[in-house]
């Protein structure tokens, strides 16, 4: 069987050109940032590929986010259309799982793989490796003001540098309700460190009279889609649909004049709330997750 090889800078130009010619990943909402993510993974020796007779067959890459005994590994990749259903996808996924466990700095890690469509081959491949799945819908709305009934007064403002400890406390409280250990906390810290974070459009929310932070909205702008404000994280603790709604309305108001649209990936729990605020569903993807002990 063809071996999996580590992606290096010398190979990257040919690899990039092969993806441009052959990739079918044209509807993926994160497609515009794919190569930057491959490059990040390559710098950590966490990207690999398979090539047959000089032709690229597919690739896989892991992005590691670590902290406090837990590690979140975002795994992504593709087998190019002419080479599918020949066992290469299994090779790449197995390499990713083994590489994530071998390089982990933590005792436990969660590996996540996002898929835009329920493709039968990928779904069965991941199920056989004991991945669990959940569904999200990308939604988008025009960046204009919305009317919303304020049923409870919240203080919502832009996140400041001095709010770091408040966000950290909020993320720790949220992580306690996550089904997979510290996934929520690591996800928030990863977003706060991301190079495309749009700090001037990130929000933090408090209850009447201040106190601990009750919610946060972290936003990004991808280089190839500068007209869209992407909500990477939208969360409250405790869960409060009214606060989530008011933060979204505030983001829409602030985005008007700066962006054309505001978008996010929504779980079923908040999808109806967002549709009521003028968001339209664009497509659905599946997040596949595997919790493993590191070697």
C-alpha atoms as a PDB file:
ATOM      1  CA  UNK A   1       0.000   0.000   0.000  1.00  0.00           C
ATOM      2  CA  UNK A   2       1.227   3.497  -0.820  1.00  0.00           C
ATOM      3  CA  UNK A   3       2.792   5.219   2.175  1.00  0.00           C
ATOM      4  CA  UNK A   4       1.757   8.538   3.701  1.00  0.00           C
ATOM      5  CA  UNK A   5       4.452  11.230   3.364  1.00  0.00           C
ATOM      6  CA  UNK A   6       5.037  14.402   5.372  1.00  0.00           C
ATOM      7  CA  UNK A   7       4.262  17.625   3.491  1.00  0.00           C
ATOM      8  CA  UNK A   8       7.291  19.951   3.281  1.00  0.00           C
ATOM      9  CA  UNK A   9       7.847  23.454   1.846  1.00  0.00           C
ATOM     10  CA  UNK A  10       9.637  22.000  -1.188  1.00  0.00           C
ATOM     11  CA  UNK A  11       6.551  20.005  -2.165  1.00  0.00           C
ATOM     12  CA  UNK A  12       3.999  22.700  -1.328  1.00  0.00           C
ATOM     13  CA  UNK A  13       3.896  24.475  -4.765  1.00  0.00           C
ATOM     14  CA  UNK A  14       3.114  21.253  -6.652  1.00  0.00           C
ATOM     15  CA  UNK A  15       0.644  20.239  -3.952  1.00  0.00           C
ATOM     16  CA  UNK A  16      -1.176  23.594  -4.143  1.00  0.00           C
ATOM     17  CA  UNK A  17      -1.423  23.435  -7.923  1.00  0.00           C
ATOM     18  CA  UNK A  18      -2.826  19.884  -7.762  1.00  0.00           C
ATOM     19  CA  UNK A  19      -5.558  21.011  -5.361  1.00  0.00           C
ATOM     20  CA  UNK A  20      -6.511  23.929  -7.592  1.00  0.00           C
ATOM     21  CA  UNK A  21      -6.890  21.591 -10.566  1.00  0.00           C
ATOM     22  CA  UNK A  22      -8.626  18.650  -8.941  1.00  0.00           C
ATOM     23  CA  UNK A  23     -10.284  19.527  -5.624  1.00  0.00           C
ATOM     24  CA  UNK A  24     -14.063  19.220  -5.490  1.00  0.00           C
ATOM     25  CA  UNK A  25     -14.237  21.229  -2.268  1.00  0.00           C
ATOM     26  CA  UNK A  26     -15.892  24.252  -3.847  1.00  0.00           C
ATOM     27  CA  UNK A  27     -18.861  24.848  -1.505  1.00  0.00           C
ATOM     28  CA  UNK A  28     -17.042  24.600   1.788  1.00  0.00           C
ATOM     29  CA  UNK A  29     -17.435  27.765   3.847  1.00  0.00           C
ATOM     30  CA  UNK A  30     -13.865  27.422   5.100  1.00  0.00           C
ATOM     31  CA  UNK A  31     -12.387  26.711   1.653  1.00  0.00           C
ATOM     32  CA  UNK A  32     -10.940  30.236   1.376  1.00  0.00           C
ATOM     33  CA  UNK A  33      -8.680  29.654   4.390  1.00  0.00           C
ATOM     34  CA  UNK A  34      -7.701  26.096   3.530  1.00  0.00           C
ATOM     35  CA  UNK A  35      -4.148  26.767   2.318  1.00  0.00           C
ATOM     36  CA  UNK A  36      -3.298  28.975   5.289  1.00  0.00           C
ATOM     37  CA  UNK A  37      -4.370  26.109   7.562  1.00  0.00           C
ATOM     38  CA  UNK A  38      -2.300  23.595   5.583  1.00  0.00           C
ATOM     39  CA  UNK A  39       0.735  25.861   5.910  1.00  0.00           C
ATOM     40  CA  UNK A  40       0.232  26.188   9.670  1.00  0.00           C
ATOM     41  CA  UNK A  41      -0.013  22.429  10.051  1.00  0.00           C
ATOM     42  CA  UNK A  42       3.021  21.880   7.822  1.00  0.00           C
ATOM     43  CA  UNK A  43       5.123  24.081  10.116  1.00  0.00           C
ATOM     44  CA  UNK A  44       4.381  21.623  12.933  1.00  0.00           C
ATOM     45  CA  UNK A  45       5.102  18.561  10.718  1.00  0.00           C
ATOM     46  CA  UNK A  46       1.386  17.803  11.035  1.00  0.00           C
ATOM     47  CA  UNK A  47       0.431  17.731   7.349  1.00  0.00           C
ATOM     48  CA  UNK A  48       0.810  14.715   5.080  1.00  0.00           C
ATOM     49  CA  UNK A  49      -0.146  13.495   1.623  1.00  0.00           C
ATOM     50  CA  UNK A  50      -0.342  10.425  -0.594  1.00  0.00           C
ATOM     51  CA  UNK A  51       0.981  10.457  -4.140  1.00  0.00           C
ATOM     52  CA  UNK A  52       0.673   7.681  -6.724  1.00  0.00           C
ATOM     53  CA  UNK A  53       2.818   7.660  -9.875  1.00  0.00           C
ATOM     54  CA  UNK A  54       3.598  11.333  -9.359  1.00  0.00           C
ATOM     55  CA  UNK A  55      -0.042  12.332  -8.955  1.00  0.00           C
ATOM     56  CA  UNK A  56      -1.396  13.707  -5.682  1.00  0.00           C
ATOM     57  CA  UNK A  57      -4.133  11.445  -4.346  1.00  0.00           C
ATOM     58  CA  UNK A  58      -5.087  13.294  -1.171  1.00  0.00           C
ATOM     59  CA  UNK A  59      -3.879  14.967   1.980  1.00  0.00           C
ATOM     60  CA  UNK A  60      -4.595  15.381   5.674  1.00  0.00           C
ATOM     61  CA  UNK A  61      -3.502  17.962   8.245  1.00  0.00           C
ATOM     62  CA  UNK A  62      -3.854  18.433  12.001  1.00  0.00           C
ATOM     63  CA  UNK A  63      -4.029  21.764  13.838  1.00  0.00           C
ATOM     64  CA  UNK A  64      -3.258  21.420  17.554  1.00  0.00           C
ATOM     65  CA  UNK A  65      -4.631  23.711  20.286  1.00  0.00           C
ATOM     66  CA  UNK A  66      -3.430  22.844  23.758  1.00  0.00           C
ATOM     67  CA  UNK A  67      -4.160  23.854  27.313  1.00  0.00           C
ATOM     68  CA  UNK A  68      -4.578  22.608  30.893  1.00  0.00           C
ATOM     69  CA  UNK A  69      -4.481  18.865  30.293  1.00  0.00           C
ATOM     70  CA  UNK A  70      -6.710  18.846  27.203  1.00  0.00           C
ATOM     71  CA  UNK A  71      -5.902  19.163  23.526  1.00  0.00           C
ATOM     72  CA  UNK A  72      -8.204  19.933  20.618  1.00  0.00           C
ATOM     73  CA  UNK A  73      -6.968  18.713  17.229  1.00  0.00           C
ATOM     74  CA  UNK A  74      -8.762  19.992  14.128  1.00  0.00           C
ATOM     75  CA  UNK A  75      -8.215  17.454  11.366  1.00  0.00           C
ATOM     76  CA  UNK A  76      -9.035  18.297   7.758  1.00  0.00           C
ATOM     77  CA  UNK A  77      -8.155  16.987   4.317  1.00  0.00           C
ATOM     78  CA  UNK A  78      -9.461  15.493   1.121  1.00  0.00           C
ATOM     79  CA  UNK A  79      -9.070  12.551  -1.221  1.00  0.00           C
ATOM     80  CA  UNK A  80      -9.271  13.926  -4.745  1.00  0.00           C
ATOM     81  CA  UNK A  81     -12.270  12.648  -6.767  1.00  0.00           C
ATOM     82  CA  UNK A  82     -10.486  10.211  -9.134  1.00  0.00           C
ATOM     83  CA  UNK A  83      -8.958   8.356  -6.192  1.00  0.00           C
ATOM     84  CA  UNK A  84     -11.891   7.950  -3.833  1.00  0.00           C
ATOM     85  CA  UNK A  85     -13.206   4.628  -2.474  1.00  0.00           C
ATOM     86  CA  UNK A  86      -9.809   2.972  -2.864  1.00  0.00           C
ATOM     87  CA  UNK A  87      -8.734   2.954   0.792  1.00  0.00           C
ATOM     88  CA  UNK A  88      -6.697   6.172   0.732  1.00  0.00           C
ATOM     89  CA  UNK A  89      -9.113   8.026   3.026  1.00  0.00           C
ATOM     90  CA  UNK A  90      -8.686   5.391   5.724  1.00  0.00           C
ATOM     91  CA  UNK A  91      -4.899   5.647   5.430  1.00  0.00           C
ATOM     92  CA  UNK A  92      -4.997   9.405   5.881  1.00  0.00           C
ATOM     93  CA  UNK A  93      -7.431   9.335   8.818  1.00  0.00           C
ATOM     94  CA  UNK A  94      -5.405   6.631  10.591  1.00  0.00           C
ATOM     95  CA  UNK A  95      -2.227   8.680  10.085  1.00  0.00           C
ATOM     96  CA  UNK A  96      -3.968  11.740  11.541  1.00  0.00           C
ATOM     97  CA  UNK A  97      -5.173   9.859  14.633  1.00  0.00           C
ATOM     98  CA  UNK A  98      -1.749   8.323  15.271  1.00  0.00           C
ATOM     99  CA  UNK A  99       0.067  11.598  14.663  1.00  0.00           C
ATOM    100  CA  UNK A 100      -2.266  13.536  16.964  1.00  0.00           C
ATOM    101  CA  UNK A 101      -1.800  11.063  19.806  1.00  0.00           C
ATOM    102  CA  UNK A 102       1.976  10.828  19.335  1.00  0.00           C
ATOM    103  CA  UNK A 103       2.513  14.601  19.296  1.00  0.00           C
ATOM    104  CA  UNK A 104       0.023  15.471  22.022  1.00  0.00           C
ATOM    105  CA  UNK A 105       1.300  17.360  25.060  1.00  0.00           C
ATOM    106  CA  UNK A 106      -1.799  16.415  27.045  1.00  0.00           C
ATOM    107  CA  UNK A 107      -3.217  13.273  28.585  1.00  0.00           C
ATOM    108  CA  UNK A 108      -6.438  13.476  26.576  1.00  0.00           C
ATOM    109  CA  UNK A 109      -7.313  14.913  23.207  1.00  0.00           C
ATOM    110  CA  UNK A 110     -10.352  15.440  21.019  1.00  0.00           C
ATOM    111  CA  UNK A 111      -9.962  15.070  17.256  1.00  0.00           C
ATOM    112  CA  UNK A 112     -12.611  16.825  15.176  1.00  0.00           C
ATOM    113  CA  UNK A 113     -13.284  16.446  11.450  1.00  0.00           C
ATOM    114  CA  UNK A 114     -15.802  18.701   9.699  1.00  0.00           C
ATOM    115  CA  UNK A 115     -17.564  17.477   6.568  1.00  0.00           C
ATOM    116  CA  UNK A 116     -19.758  19.731   4.437  1.00  0.00           C
ATOM    117  CA  UNK A 117     -22.040  16.951   3.210  1.00  0.00           C
ATOM    118  CA  UNK A 118     -23.047  13.548   4.523  1.00  0.00           C
ATOM    119  CA  UNK A 119     -20.853  11.609   2.137  1.00  0.00           C
ATOM    120  CA  UNK A 120     -21.501   7.904   2.666  1.00  0.00           C
ATOM    121  CA  UNK A 121     -17.899   6.767   2.339  1.00  0.00           C
ATOM    122  CA  UNK A 122     -16.526   9.311   4.804  1.00  0.00           C
ATOM    123  CA  UNK A 123     -19.380   8.793   7.245  1.00  0.00           C
ATOM    124  CA  UNK A 124     -18.896   5.021   7.399  1.00  0.00           C
ATOM    125  CA  UNK A 125     -15.110   5.413   7.548  1.00  0.00           C
ATOM    126  CA  UNK A 126     -15.333   7.670  10.605  1.00  0.00           C
ATOM    127  CA  UNK A 127     -18.042   5.583  12.283  1.00  0.00           C
ATOM    128  CA  UNK A 128     -15.809   2.522  12.003  1.00  0.00           C
ATOM    129  CA  UNK A 129     -13.165   4.467  13.941  1.00  0.00           C
ATOM    130  CA  UNK A 130     -15.717   5.419  16.611  1.00  0.00           C
ATOM    131  CA  UNK A 131     -16.193   9.074  15.759  1.00  0.00           C
ATOM    132  CA  UNK A 132     -19.455  10.596  16.981  1.00  0.00           C
ATOM    133  CA  UNK A 133     -21.239  13.269  14.933  1.00  0.00           C
ATOM    134  CA  UNK A 134     -23.325  16.425  15.361  1.00  0.00           C
ATOM    135  CA  UNK A 135     -24.791  18.801  12.775  1.00  0.00           C
ATOM    136  CA  UNK A 136     -24.434  22.532  12.133  1.00  0.00           C
ATOM    137  CA  UNK A 137     -25.910  24.894   9.558  1.00  0.00           C
ATOM    138  CA  UNK A 138     -24.104  27.872   8.067  1.00  0.00           C
ATOM    139  CA  UNK A 139     -26.417  30.884   8.182  1.00  0.00           C
ATOM    140  CA  UNK A 140     -25.950  34.407   6.871  1.00  0.00           C
ATOM    141  CA  UNK A 141     -27.775  37.732   7.199  1.00  0.00           C
ATOM    142  CA  UNK A 142     -27.349  41.222   5.794  1.00  0.00           C
ATOM    143  CA  UNK A 143     -25.468  43.515   8.132  1.00  0.00           C
ATOM    144  CA  UNK A 144     -28.310  45.844   9.058  1.00  0.00           C
ATOM    145  CA  UNK A 145     -30.055  46.774  12.278  1.00  0.00           C
ATOM    146  CA  UNK A 146     -32.789  44.495  13.613  1.00  0.00           C
ATOM    147  CA  UNK A 147     -35.541  45.245  16.104  1.00  0.00           C
ATOM    148  CA  UNK A 148     -35.564  42.987  19.125  1.00  0.00           C
ATOM    149  CA  UNK A 149     -37.526  43.161  22.337  1.00  0.00           C
ATOM    150  CA  UNK A 150     -35.199  43.705  25.284  1.00  0.00           C
ATOM    151  CA  UNK A 151     -36.755  41.479  27.922  1.00  0.00           C
ATOM    152  CA  UNK A 152     -33.871  41.789  30.317  1.00  0.00           C
ATOM    153  CA  UNK A 153     -31.224  44.500  30.482  1.00  0.00           C
ATOM    154  CA  UNK A 154     -27.731  43.285  29.584  1.00  0.00           C
ATOM    155  CA  UNK A 155     -24.588  45.329  29.231  1.00  0.00           C
ATOM    156  CA  UNK A 156     -22.969  44.371  25.922  1.00  0.00           C
ATOM    157  CA  UNK A 157     -19.762  46.042  24.780  1.00  0.00           C
ATOM    158  CA  UNK A 158     -16.611  45.418  22.740  1.00  0.00           C
ATOM    159  CA  UNK A 159     -14.071  43.149  24.393  1.00  0.00           C
ATOM    160  CA  UNK A 160     -11.072  45.026  25.790  1.00  0.00           C
ATOM    161  CA  UNK A 161      -7.555  43.851  26.615  1.00  0.00           C
ATOM    162  CA  UNK A 162      -8.338  44.007  30.334  1.00  0.00           C
ATOM    163  CA  UNK A 163     -11.223  41.558  29.844  1.00  0.00           C
ATOM    164  CA  UNK A 164      -8.847  38.602  29.372  1.00  0.00           C
ATOM    165  CA  UNK A 165      -9.433  37.195  32.857  1.00  0.00           C
ATOM    166  CA  UNK A 166     -13.205  37.614  32.529  1.00  0.00           C
ATOM    167  CA  UNK A 167     -13.215  35.694  29.231  1.00  0.00           C
ATOM    168  CA  UNK A 168     -10.998  33.021  30.774  1.00  0.00           C
ATOM    169  CA  UNK A 169     -13.417  32.614  33.680  1.00  0.00           C
ATOM    170  CA  UNK A 170     -16.373  32.449  31.283  1.00  0.00           C
ATOM    171  CA  UNK A 171     -14.663  29.810  29.141  1.00  0.00           C
ATOM    172  CA  UNK A 172     -13.929  27.674  32.208  1.00  0.00           C
ATOM    173  CA  UNK A 173     -17.569  27.829  33.284  1.00  0.00           C
ATOM    174  CA  UNK A 174     -18.717  26.929  29.771  1.00  0.00           C
ATOM    175  CA  UNK A 175     -16.255  24.026  29.565  1.00  0.00           C
ATOM    176  CA  UNK A 176     -17.979  22.343  32.509  1.00  0.00           C
ATOM    177  CA  UNK A 177     -21.098  21.868  30.388  1.00  0.00           C
ATOM    178  CA  UNK A 178     -19.210  20.564  27.324  1.00  0.00           C
ATOM    179  CA  UNK A 179     -19.812  16.861  26.614  1.00  0.00           C
ATOM    180  CA  UNK A 180     -16.137  16.369  25.766  1.00  0.00           C
ATOM    181  CA  UNK A 181     -13.999  17.601  28.661  1.00  0.00           C
ATOM    182  CA  UNK A 182     -12.424  21.023  28.050  1.00  0.00           C
ATOM    183  CA  UNK A 183     -13.375  21.420  24.399  1.00  0.00           C
ATOM    184  CA  UNK A 184     -15.249  24.674  24.916  1.00  0.00           C
ATOM    185  CA  UNK A 185     -12.423  26.309  26.824  1.00  0.00           C
ATOM    186  CA  UNK A 186      -9.787  25.339  24.275  1.00  0.00           C
ATOM    187  CA  UNK A 187     -11.997  26.476  21.390  1.00  0.00           C
ATOM    188  CA  UNK A 188     -12.386  29.948  22.886  1.00  0.00           C
ATOM    189  CA  UNK A 189      -8.680  30.317  23.589  1.00  0.00           C
ATOM    190  CA  UNK A 190      -7.887  29.179  20.065  1.00  0.00           C
ATOM    191  CA  UNK A 191     -10.253  31.802  18.624  1.00  0.00           C
ATOM    192  CA  UNK A 192      -8.761  34.565  20.788  1.00  0.00           C
ATOM    193  CA  UNK A 193      -5.284  33.755  19.435  1.00  0.00           C
ATOM    194  CA  UNK A 194      -6.356  33.469  15.812  1.00  0.00           C
ATOM    195  CA  UNK A 195      -4.608  35.858  13.381  1.00  0.00           C
ATOM    196  CA  UNK A 196      -7.910  36.730  11.672  1.00  0.00           C
ATOM    197  CA  UNK A 197      -9.737  37.646  14.880  1.00  0.00           C
ATOM    198  CA  UNK A 198     -11.583  40.956  14.487  1.00  0.00           C
ATOM    199  CA  UNK A 199     -11.200  42.333  18.007  1.00  0.00           C
ATOM    200  CA  UNK A 200     -13.109  45.530  17.291  1.00  0.00           C
ATOM    201  CA  UNK A 201     -16.203  43.398  16.604  1.00  0.00           C
ATOM    202  CA  UNK A 202     -15.856  40.923  19.490  1.00  0.00           C
ATOM    203  CA  UNK A 203     -18.409  41.371  22.271  1.00  0.00           C
ATOM    204  CA  UNK A 204     -18.644  40.578  25.956  1.00  0.00           C
ATOM    205  CA  UNK A 205     -21.889  40.667  27.951  1.00  0.00           C
ATOM    206  CA  UNK A 206     -22.704  41.277  31.594  1.00  0.00           C
ATOM    207  CA  UNK A 207     -25.836  41.209  33.672  1.00  0.00           C
ATOM    208  CA  UNK A 208     -27.360  44.290  35.317  1.00  0.00           C
ATOM    209  CA  UNK A 209     -24.842  45.840  37.675  1.00  0.00           C
ATOM    210  CA  UNK A 210     -21.812  44.099  36.166  1.00  0.00           C
ATOM    211  CA  UNK A 211     -20.418  40.995  37.853  1.00  0.00           C
ATOM    212  CA  UNK A 212     -18.932  38.044  35.970  1.00  0.00           C
ATOM    213  CA  UNK A 213     -19.185  37.900  32.196  1.00  0.00           C
ATOM    214  CA  UNK A 214     -22.322  36.084  31.055  1.00  0.00           C
ATOM    215  CA  UNK A 215     -21.585  35.792  27.336  1.00  0.00           C
ATOM    216  CA  UNK A 216     -19.132  36.414  24.533  1.00  0.00           C
ATOM    217  CA  UNK A 217     -19.127  36.678  20.746  1.00  0.00           C
ATOM    218  CA  UNK A 218     -15.787  36.235  18.974  1.00  0.00           C
ATOM    219  CA  UNK A 219     -15.662  37.232  15.306  1.00  0.00           C
ATOM    220  CA  UNK A 220     -13.234  36.831  12.413  1.00  0.00           C
ATOM    221  CA  UNK A 221     -12.805  38.128   8.878  1.00  0.00           C
ATOM    222  CA  UNK A 222     -11.209  35.755   6.364  1.00  0.00           C
ATOM    223  CA  UNK A 223      -8.816  37.410   3.864  1.00  0.00           C
ATOM    224  CA  UNK A 224     -10.691  36.125   0.808  1.00  0.00           C
ATOM    225  CA  UNK A 225     -14.099  37.206   2.107  1.00  0.00           C
ATOM    226  CA  UNK A 226     -13.524  40.625   3.603  1.00  0.00           C
ATOM    227  CA  UNK A 227     -17.194  41.658   3.250  1.00  0.00           C
ATOM    228  CA  UNK A 228     -18.404  38.966   5.667  1.00  0.00           C
ATOM    229  CA  UNK A 229     -18.078  39.092   9.458  1.00  0.00           C
ATOM    230  CA  UNK A 230     -17.854  35.488  10.666  1.00  0.00           C
ATOM    231  CA  UNK A 231     -19.068  34.699  14.203  1.00  0.00           C
ATOM    232  CA  UNK A 232     -16.620  32.028  15.338  1.00  0.00           C
ATOM    233  CA  UNK A 233     -17.907  31.726  18.915  1.00  0.00           C
ATOM    234  CA  UNK A 234     -21.260  32.771  20.376  1.00  0.00           C
ATOM    235  CA  UNK A 235     -21.886  31.540  23.898  1.00  0.00           C
ATOM    236  CA  UNK A 236     -23.464  32.286  27.248  1.00  0.00           C
ATOM    237  CA  UNK A 237     -23.196  30.774  30.706  1.00  0.00           C
ATOM    238  CA  UNK A 238     -25.765  29.991  31.892  1.00  0.00           C
ATOM    239  CA  UNK A 239     -27.553  29.324  28.610  1.00  0.00           C
ATOM    240  CA  UNK A 240     -29.825  32.279  27.806  1.00  0.00           C
ATOM    241  CA  UNK A 241     -31.577  32.587  24.427  1.00  0.00           C
ATOM    242  CA  UNK A 242     -32.456  36.236  25.094  1.00  0.00           C
ATOM    243  CA  UNK A 243     -28.836  37.195  25.646  1.00  0.00           C
ATOM    244  CA  UNK A 244     -27.693  35.277  22.556  1.00  0.00           C
ATOM    245  CA  UNK A 245     -30.341  37.085  20.509  1.00  0.00           C
ATOM    246  CA  UNK A 246     -29.324  40.502  21.840  1.00  0.00           C
ATOM    247  CA  UNK A 247     -25.618  39.854  21.134  1.00  0.00           C
ATOM    248  CA  UNK A 248     -26.426  38.857  17.546  1.00  0.00           C
ATOM    249  CA  UNK A 249     -28.557  41.974  17.060  1.00  0.00           C
ATOM    250  CA  UNK A 250     -25.719  44.082  18.462  1.00  0.00           C
ATOM    251  CA  UNK A 251     -23.252  42.455  16.046  1.00  0.00           C
ATOM    252  CA  UNK A 252     -25.560  43.158  13.091  1.00  0.00           C
ATOM    253  CA  UNK A 253     -25.911  46.784  14.158  1.00  0.00           C
ATOM    254  CA  UNK A 254     -22.160  47.266  14.586  1.00  0.00           C
ATOM    255  CA  UNK A 255     -21.384  45.507  11.297  1.00  0.00           C
ATOM    256  CA  UNK A 256     -23.611  47.789   9.215  1.00  0.00           C
ATOM    257  CA  UNK A 257     -21.440  50.061   7.084  1.00  0.00           C
ATOM    258  CA  UNK A 258     -18.359  47.881   7.638  1.00  0.00           C
ATOM    259  CA  UNK A 259     -19.497  44.512   6.257  1.00  0.00           C
ATOM    260  CA  UNK A 260     -22.133  43.276   3.830  1.00  0.00           C
ATOM    261  CA  UNK A 261     -23.106  40.134   5.735  1.00  0.00           C
ATOM    262  CA  UNK A 262     -22.740  38.444   9.099  1.00  0.00           C
ATOM    263  CA  UNK A 263     -22.446  34.641   9.119  1.00  0.00           C
ATOM    264  CA  UNK A 264     -21.933  31.762  11.534  1.00  0.00           C
ATOM    265  CA  UNK A 265     -22.321  28.041  11.994  1.00  0.00           C
ATOM    266  CA  UNK A 266     -25.438  27.350  14.058  1.00  0.00           C
ATOM    267  CA  UNK A 267     -26.472  24.299  16.025  1.00  0.00           C
ATOM    268  CA  UNK A 268     -30.085  23.165  15.923  1.00  0.00           C
ATOM    269  CA  UNK A 269     -30.599  24.708  19.374  1.00  0.00           C
ATOM    270  CA  UNK A 270     -30.144  28.292  18.105  1.00  0.00           C
ATOM    271  CA  UNK A 271     -31.084  27.915  14.447  1.00  0.00           C
ATOM    272  CA  UNK A 272     -34.711  29.007  14.881  1.00  0.00           C
ATOM    273  CA  UNK A 273     -33.639  32.088  16.868  1.00  0.00           C
ATOM    274  CA  UNK A 274     -31.292  33.162  14.066  1.00  0.00           C
ATOM    275  CA  UNK A 275     -33.855  32.557  11.322  1.00  0.00           C
ATOM    276  CA  UNK A 276     -36.193  34.841  13.257  1.00  0.00           C
ATOM    277  CA  UNK A 277     -33.552  37.563  13.067  1.00  0.00           C
ATOM    278  CA  UNK A 278     -33.312  37.402   9.287  1.00  0.00           C
ATOM    279  CA  UNK A 279     -30.585  34.768   8.876  1.00  0.00           C
ATOM    280  CA  UNK A 280     -30.943  32.348   5.952  1.00  0.00           C
ATOM    281  CA  UNK A 281     -29.574  28.812   5.932  1.00  0.00           C
ATOM    282  CA  UNK A 282     -26.924  28.168   3.267  1.00  0.00           C
ATOM    283  CA  UNK A 283     -25.729  24.606   3.849  1.00  0.00           C
ATOM    284  CA  UNK A 284     -25.267  22.038   6.612  1.00  0.00           C
ATOM    285  CA  UNK A 285     -22.129  20.292   7.730  1.00  0.00           C
ATOM    286  CA  UNK A 286     -21.314  17.520  10.181  1.00  0.00           C
ATOM    287  CA  UNK A 287     -18.747  17.743  12.956  1.00  0.00           C
ATOM    288  CA  UNK A 288     -17.241  14.346  13.691  1.00  0.00           C
ATOM    289  CA  UNK A 289     -15.451  13.954  17.022  1.00  0.00           C
ATOM    290  CA  UNK A 290     -13.183  11.340  18.586  1.00  0.00           C
ATOM    291  CA  UNK A 291     -11.917  11.464  22.170  1.00  0.00           C
ATOM    292  CA  UNK A 292      -8.645   9.554  22.646  1.00  0.00           C
ATOM    293  CA  UNK A 293      -5.972   9.093  25.288  1.00  0.00           C
ATOM    294  CA  UNK A 294      -2.571  10.380  24.202  1.00  0.00           C
ATOM    295  CA  UNK A 295       0.365   7.997  24.016  1.00  0.00           C
END
